[in-house]
Amino acid sequence: MKEIEVKVYDNDLEKAMRILKKKVQNDGLFKRLKMKKAYEKPSEYRRRKQREALRRQRIVASRNRYR
């Protein structure tokens, strides 16, 4: 697990909290915690992994289309 660090400048805690929330969300920490909360059947796990892979492929394909 990688370390998430946010620096606070000029005692601007509000901005630092927004940055931290965005970093945590982009890292997928909340998603991983939510997935670990309950048991996931192996068939559901495979189906979810396949959906995620298809989603990544669509994103890459759409990026390549505009280059």
PDB file of N, CA and C in Angstrom:
ATOM      1  N   MET A   1       0.841  -1.172   0.000  1.00  0.00           N
ATOM      2  CA  MET A   1       0.000   0.000   0.000  1.00  0.00           C
ATOM      3  C   MET A   1       0.888   1.236   0.000  1.00  0.00           C
ATOM      4  N   LYS A   2       0.560   2.176  -0.883  1.00  0.00           N
ATOM      5  CA  LYS A   2       1.422   3.351  -0.969  1.00  0.00           C
ATOM      6  C   LYS A   2       1.010   4.407   0.053  1.00  0.00           C
ATOM      7  N   GLU A   3       1.936   5.252   0.359  1.00  0.00           N
ATOM      8  CA  GLU A   3       1.738   6.279   1.364  1.00  0.00           C
ATOM      9  C   GLU A   3       1.110   7.517   0.735  1.00  0.00           C
ATOM     10  N   ILE A   4       0.062   8.021   1.359  1.00  0.00           N
ATOM     11  CA  ILE A   4      -0.605   9.229   0.867  1.00  0.00           C
ATOM     12  C   ILE A   4      -0.207  10.376   1.784  1.00  0.00           C
ATOM     13  N   GLU A   5       0.312  11.436   1.182  1.00  0.00           N
ATOM     14  CA  GLU A   5       0.803  12.568   1.965  1.00  0.00           C
ATOM     15  C   GLU A   5       0.272  13.859   1.372  1.00  0.00           C
ATOM     16  N   VAL A   6      -0.167  14.765   2.243  1.00  0.00           N
ATOM     17  CA  VAL A   6      -0.665  16.065   1.815  1.00  0.00           C
ATOM     18  C   VAL A   6      -0.002  17.126   2.678  1.00  0.00           C
ATOM     19  N   LYS A   7       0.544  18.130   2.039  1.00  0.00           N
ATOM     20  CA  LYS A   7       1.175  19.226   2.777  1.00  0.00           C
ATOM     21  C   LYS A   7       0.177  20.369   2.947  1.00  0.00           C
ATOM     22  N   VAL A   8       0.203  20.982   4.122  1.00  0.00           N
ATOM     23  CA  VAL A   8      -0.700  22.087   4.439  1.00  0.00           C
ATOM     24  C   VAL A   8       0.096  23.383   4.344  1.00  0.00           C
ATOM     25  N   TYR A   9      -0.375  24.268   3.487  1.00  0.00           N
ATOM     26  CA  TYR A   9       0.283  25.561   3.310  1.00  0.00           C
ATOM     27  C   TYR A   9      -0.581  26.667   3.906  1.00  0.00           C
ATOM     28  N   ASP A  10       0.027  27.597   4.593  1.00  0.00           N
ATOM     29  CA  ASP A  10      -0.639  28.770   5.172  1.00  0.00           C
ATOM     30  C   ASP A  10      -1.833  28.391   6.050  1.00  0.00           C
ATOM     31  N   ASN A  11      -1.719  27.304   6.782  1.00  0.00           N
ATOM     32  CA  ASN A  11      -2.784  26.819   7.670  1.00  0.00           C
ATOM     33  C   ASN A  11      -4.123  26.668   6.961  1.00  0.00           C
ATOM     34  N   ASP A  12      -4.090  26.361   5.672  1.00  0.00           N
ATOM     35  CA  ASP A  12      -5.319  26.186   4.898  1.00  0.00           C
ATOM     36  C   ASP A  12      -5.731  24.716   4.972  1.00  0.00           C
ATOM     37  N   LEU A  13      -6.347  24.355   6.084  1.00  0.00           N
ATOM     38  CA  LEU A  13      -6.733  22.974   6.327  1.00  0.00           C
ATOM     39  C   LEU A  13      -7.863  22.524   5.404  1.00  0.00           C
ATOM     40  N   GLU A  14      -8.754  23.431   5.050  1.00  0.00           N
ATOM     41  CA  GLU A  14      -9.884  23.093   4.178  1.00  0.00           C
ATOM     42  C   GLU A  14      -9.373  22.578   2.827  1.00  0.00           C
ATOM     43  N   LYS A  15      -8.425  23.303   2.254  1.00  0.00           N
ATOM     44  CA  LYS A  15      -7.881  22.917   0.955  1.00  0.00           C
ATOM     45  C   LYS A  15      -7.112  21.600   1.063  1.00  0.00           C
ATOM     46  N   ALA A  16      -6.376  21.430   2.144  1.00  0.00           N
ATOM     47  CA  ALA A  16      -5.623  20.199   2.345  1.00  0.00           C
ATOM     48  C   ALA A  16      -6.570  19.002   2.467  1.00  0.00           C
ATOM     49  N   MET A  17      -7.696  19.174   3.133  1.00  0.00           N
ATOM     50  CA  MET A  17      -8.668  18.090   3.270  1.00  0.00           C
ATOM     51  C   MET A  17      -9.277  17.730   1.924  1.00  0.00           C
ATOM     52  N   ARG A  18      -9.568  18.729   1.089  1.00  0.00           N
ATOM     53  CA  ARG A  18     -10.109  18.458  -0.246  1.00  0.00           C
ATOM     54  C   ARG A  18      -9.105  17.667  -1.081  1.00  0.00           C
ATOM     55  N   ILE A  19      -7.839  18.064  -1.002  1.00  0.00           N
ATOM     56  CA  ILE A  19      -6.785  17.372  -1.743  1.00  0.00           C
ATOM     57  C   ILE A  19      -6.646  15.939  -1.247  1.00  0.00           C
ATOM     58  N   LEU A  20      -6.695  15.747   0.088  1.00  0.00           N
ATOM     59  CA  LEU A  20      -6.582  14.407   0.661  1.00  0.00           C
ATOM     60  C   LEU A  20      -7.742  13.528   0.208  1.00  0.00           C
ATOM     61  N   LYS A  21      -8.949  14.041   0.242  1.00  0.00           N
ATOM     62  CA  LYS A  21     -10.114  13.269  -0.188  1.00  0.00           C
ATOM     63  C   LYS A  21      -9.968  12.834  -1.639  1.00  0.00           C
ATOM     64  N   LYS A  22      -9.501  13.741  -2.487  1.00  0.00           N
ATOM     65  CA  LYS A  22      -9.336  13.417  -3.904  1.00  0.00           C
ATOM     66  C   LYS A  22      -8.255  12.351  -4.095  1.00  0.00           C
ATOM     67  N   LYS A  23      -7.153  12.461  -3.352  1.00  0.00           N
ATOM     68  CA  LYS A  23      -6.080  11.472  -3.471  1.00  0.00           C
ATOM     69  C   LYS A  23      -6.549  10.095  -3.010  1.00  0.00           C
ATOM     70  N   VAL A  24      -7.307  10.052  -1.912  1.00  0.00           N
ATOM     71  CA  VAL A  24      -7.809   8.786  -1.396  1.00  0.00           C
ATOM     72  C   VAL A  24      -8.794   8.172  -2.389  1.00  0.00           C
ATOM     73  N   GLN A  25      -9.633   9.003  -2.974  1.00  0.00           N
ATOM     74  CA  GLN A  25     -10.606   8.505  -3.940  1.00  0.00           C
ATOM     75  C   GLN A  25      -9.902   7.973  -5.190  1.00  0.00           C
ATOM     76  N   ASN A  26      -8.925   8.702  -5.692  1.00  0.00           N
ATOM     77  CA  ASN A  26      -8.196   8.264  -6.884  1.00  0.00           C
ATOM     78  C   ASN A  26      -7.392   6.993  -6.611  1.00  0.00           C
ATOM     79  N   ASP A  27      -6.929   6.830  -5.397  1.00  0.00           N
ATOM     80  CA  ASP A  27      -6.166   5.641  -5.024  1.00  0.00           C
ATOM     81  C   ASP A  27      -7.065   4.415  -4.938  1.00  0.00           C
ATOM     82  N   GLY A  28      -8.359   4.608  -4.711  1.00  0.00           N
ATOM     83  CA  GLY A  28      -9.293   3.500  -4.616  1.00  0.00           C
ATOM     84  C   GLY A  28      -9.358   2.881  -3.229  1.00  0.00           C
ATOM     85  N   LEU A  29      -8.902   3.618  -2.229  1.00  0.00           N
ATOM     86  CA  LEU A  29      -8.876   3.101  -0.866  1.00  0.00           C
ATOM     87  C   LEU A  29     -10.283   2.812  -0.358  1.00  0.00           C
ATOM     88  N   PHE A  30     -11.205   3.750  -0.544  1.00  0.00           N
ATOM     89  CA  PHE A  30     -12.576   3.552  -0.074  1.00  0.00           C
ATOM     90  C   PHE A  30     -13.220   2.362  -0.757  1.00  0.00           C
ATOM     91  N   LYS A  31     -12.955   2.214  -2.041  1.00  0.00           N
ATOM     92  CA  LYS A  31     -13.525   1.099  -2.788  1.00  0.00           C
ATOM     93  C   LYS A  31     -13.000  -0.235  -2.253  1.00  0.00           C
ATOM     94  N   ARG A  32     -11.693  -0.300  -1.981  1.00  0.00           N
ATOM     95  CA  ARG A  32     -11.111  -1.529  -1.438  1.00  0.00           C
ATOM     96  C   ARG A  32     -11.674  -1.857  -0.060  1.00  0.00           C
ATOM     97  N   LEU A  33     -11.836  -0.836   0.785  1.00  0.00           N
ATOM     98  CA  LEU A  33     -12.393  -1.064   2.117  1.00  0.00           C
ATOM     99  C   LEU A  33     -13.827  -1.567   2.029  1.00  0.00           C
ATOM    100  N   LYS A  34     -14.597  -1.000   1.125  1.00  0.00           N
ATOM    101  CA  LYS A  34     -15.983  -1.413   0.954  1.00  0.00           C
ATOM    102  C   LYS A  34     -16.049  -2.860   0.475  1.00  0.00           C
ATOM    103  N   MET A  35     -15.155  -3.249  -0.436  1.00  0.00           N
ATOM    104  CA  MET A  35     -15.150  -4.607  -0.950  1.00  0.00           C
ATOM    105  C   MET A  35     -14.750  -5.610   0.136  1.00  0.00           C
ATOM    106  N   LYS A  36     -13.879  -5.226   1.041  1.00  0.00           N
ATOM    107  CA  LYS A  36     -13.422  -6.129   2.093  1.00  0.00           C
ATOM    108  C   LYS A  36     -14.443  -6.276   3.217  1.00  0.00           C
ATOM    109  N   LYS A  37     -15.422  -5.386   3.268  1.00  0.00           N
ATOM    110  CA  LYS A  37     -16.393  -5.403   4.349  1.00  0.00           C
ATOM    111  C   LYS A  37     -17.263  -6.656   4.316  1.00  0.00           C
ATOM    112  N   ALA A  38     -17.589  -7.136   3.139  1.00  0.00           N
ATOM    113  CA  ALA A  38     -18.469  -8.297   3.010  1.00  0.00           C
ATOM    114  C   ALA A  38     -17.805  -9.355   2.129  1.00  0.00           C
ATOM    115  N   TYR A  39     -18.257 -10.589   2.302  1.00  0.00           N
ATOM    116  CA  TYR A  39     -17.729 -11.690   1.509  1.00  0.00           C
ATOM    117  C   TYR A  39     -18.234 -11.590   0.074  1.00  0.00           C
ATOM    118  N   GLU A  40     -17.350 -11.865  -0.864  1.00  0.00           N
ATOM    119  CA  GLU A  40     -17.704 -11.848  -2.273  1.00  0.00           C
ATOM    120  C   GLU A  40     -17.490 -13.255  -2.829  1.00  0.00           C
ATOM    121  N   LYS A  41     -18.555 -13.814  -3.394  1.00  0.00           N
ATOM    122  CA  LYS A  41     -18.458 -15.157  -3.950  1.00  0.00           C
ATOM    123  C   LYS A  41     -17.450 -15.157  -5.096  1.00  0.00           C
ATOM    124  N   PRO A  42     -16.761 -16.296  -5.310  1.00  0.00           N
ATOM    125  CA  PRO A  42     -15.773 -16.364  -6.395  1.00  0.00           C
ATOM    126  C   PRO A  42     -16.354 -16.029  -7.765  1.00  0.00           C
ATOM    127  N   SER A  43     -17.596 -16.437  -8.015  1.00  0.00           N
ATOM    128  CA  SER A  43     -18.203 -16.126  -9.313  1.00  0.00           C
ATOM    129  C   SER A  43     -18.444 -14.623  -9.448  1.00  0.00           C
ATOM    130  N   GLU A  44     -18.860 -13.961  -8.356  1.00  0.00           N
ATOM    131  CA  GLU A  44     -19.055 -12.508  -8.384  1.00  0.00           C
ATOM    132  C   GLU A  44     -17.720 -11.793  -8.560  1.00  0.00           C
ATOM    133  N   TYR A  45     -16.680 -12.335  -7.926  1.00  0.00           N
ATOM    134  CA  TYR A  45     -15.344 -11.763  -8.041  1.00  0.00           C
ATOM    135  C   TYR A  45     -14.873 -11.793  -9.497  1.00  0.00           C
ATOM    136  N   ARG A  46     -15.025 -12.955 -10.148  1.00  0.00           N
ATOM    137  CA  ARG A  46     -14.613 -13.071 -11.550  1.00  0.00           C
ATOM    138  C   ARG A  46     -15.423 -12.129 -12.438  1.00  0.00           C
ATOM    139  N   ARG A  47     -16.720 -12.057 -12.200  1.00  0.00           N
ATOM    140  CA  ARG A  47     -17.583 -11.190 -13.004  1.00  0.00           C
ATOM    141  C   ARG A  47     -17.193  -9.717 -12.833  1.00  0.00           C
ATOM    142  N   ARG A  48     -16.906  -9.317 -11.586  1.00  0.00           N
ATOM    143  CA  ARG A  48     -16.505  -7.929 -11.321  1.00  0.00           C
ATOM    144  C   ARG A  48     -15.172  -7.616 -11.990  1.00  0.00           C
ATOM    145  N   LYS A  49     -14.223  -8.537 -11.871  1.00  0.00           N
ATOM    146  CA  LYS A  49     -12.913  -8.324 -12.496  1.00  0.00           C
ATOM    147  C   LYS A  49     -13.046  -8.194 -14.011  1.00  0.00           C
ATOM    148  N   GLN A  50     -13.922  -9.001 -14.602  1.00  0.00           N
ATOM    149  CA  GLN A  50     -14.127  -8.938 -16.049  1.00  0.00           C
ATOM    150  C   GLN A  50     -14.748  -7.597 -16.448  1.00  0.00           C
ATOM    151  N   ARG A  51     -15.731  -7.129 -15.667  1.00  0.00           N
ATOM    152  CA  ARG A  51     -16.351  -5.827 -15.949  1.00  0.00           C
ATOM    153  C   ARG A  51     -15.328  -4.705 -15.847  1.00  0.00           C
ATOM    154  N   GLU A  52     -14.473  -4.763 -14.822  1.00  0.00           N
ATOM    155  CA  GLU A  52     -13.449  -3.735 -14.660  1.00  0.00           C
ATOM    156  C   GLU A  52     -12.467  -3.746 -15.826  1.00  0.00           C
ATOM    157  N   ALA A  53     -12.091  -4.928 -16.286  1.00  0.00           N
ATOM    158  CA  ALA A  53     -11.161  -5.042 -17.417  1.00  0.00           C
ATOM    159  C   ALA A  53     -11.785  -4.469 -18.682  1.00  0.00           C
ATOM    160  N   LEU A  54     -13.063  -4.772 -18.915  1.00  0.00           N
ATOM    161  CA  LEU A  54     -13.750  -4.219 -20.084  1.00  0.00           C
ATOM    162  C   LEU A  54     -13.824  -2.701 -20.015  1.00  0.00           C
ATOM    163  N   ARG A  55     -14.074  -2.193 -18.822  1.00  0.00           N
ATOM    164  CA  ARG A  55     -14.146  -0.740 -18.637  1.00  0.00           C
ATOM    165  C   ARG A  55     -12.791  -0.094 -18.958  1.00  0.00           C
ATOM    166  N   ARG A  56     -11.706  -0.705 -18.463  1.00  0.00           N
ATOM    167  CA  ARG A  56     -10.371  -0.178 -18.757  1.00  0.00           C
ATOM    168  C   ARG A  56     -10.083  -0.217 -20.246  1.00  0.00           C
ATOM    169  N   GLN A  57     -10.497  -1.297 -20.919  1.00  0.00           N
ATOM    170  CA  GLN A  57     -10.282  -1.393 -22.363  1.00  0.00           C
ATOM    171  C   GLN A  57     -11.040  -0.313 -23.114  1.00  0.00           C
ATOM    172  N   ARG A  58     -12.279  -0.037 -22.701  1.00  0.00           N
ATOM    173  CA  ARG A  58     -13.053   1.020 -23.359  1.00  0.00           C
ATOM    174  C   ARG A  58     -12.411   2.381 -23.164  1.00  0.00           C
ATOM    175  N   ILE A  59     -11.877   2.629 -21.979  1.00  0.00           N
ATOM    176  CA  ILE A  59     -11.225   3.909 -21.704  1.00  0.00           C
ATOM    177  C   ILE A  59      -9.990   4.065 -22.583  1.00  0.00           C
ATOM    178  N   VAL A  60      -9.172   3.017 -22.680  1.00  0.00           N
ATOM    179  CA  VAL A  60      -7.961   3.072 -23.510  1.00  0.00           C
ATOM    180  C   VAL A  60      -8.343   3.255 -24.979  1.00  0.00           C
ATOM    181  N   ALA A  61      -9.382   2.543 -25.428  1.00  0.00           N
ATOM    182  CA  ALA A  61      -9.814   2.661 -26.820  1.00  0.00           C
ATOM    183  C   ALA A  61     -10.309   4.069 -27.121  1.00  0.00           C
ATOM    184  N   SER A  62     -11.025   4.686 -26.185  1.00  0.00           N
ATOM    185  CA  SER A  62     -11.524   6.030 -26.433  1.00  0.00           C
ATOM    186  C   SER A  62     -10.382   7.045 -26.448  1.00  0.00           C
ATOM    187  N   ARG A  63      -9.363   6.809 -25.634  1.00  0.00           N
ATOM    188  CA  ARG A  63      -8.195   7.707 -25.629  1.00  0.00           C
ATOM    189  C   ARG A  63      -7.441   7.601 -26.946  1.00  0.00           C
ATOM    190  N   ASN A  64      -7.292   6.376 -27.440  1.00  0.00           N
ATOM    191  CA  ASN A  64      -6.556   6.164 -28.693  1.00  0.00           C
ATOM    192  C   ASN A  64      -7.304   6.686 -29.888  1.00  0.00           C
ATOM    193  N   ARG A  65      -8.612   6.762 -29.804  1.00  0.00           N
ATOM    194  CA  ARG A  65      -9.420   7.231 -30.924  1.00  0.00           C
ATOM    195  C   ARG A  65      -9.135   8.701 -31.243  1.00  0.00           C
ATOM    196  N   TYR A  66      -8.801   9.481 -30.226  1.00  0.00           N
ATOM    197  CA  TYR A  66      -8.607  10.917 -30.411  1.00  0.00           C
ATOM    198  C   TYR A  66      -7.155  11.300 -30.636  1.00  0.00           C
ATOM    199  N   ARG A  67      -6.296  10.346 -30.814  1.00  0.00           N
ATOM    200  CA  ARG A  67      -4.876  10.678 -31.029  1.00  0.00           C
ATOM    201  C   ARG A  67      -4.538  10.661 -32.473  1.00  0.00           C
TER     202      ARG A  67
END
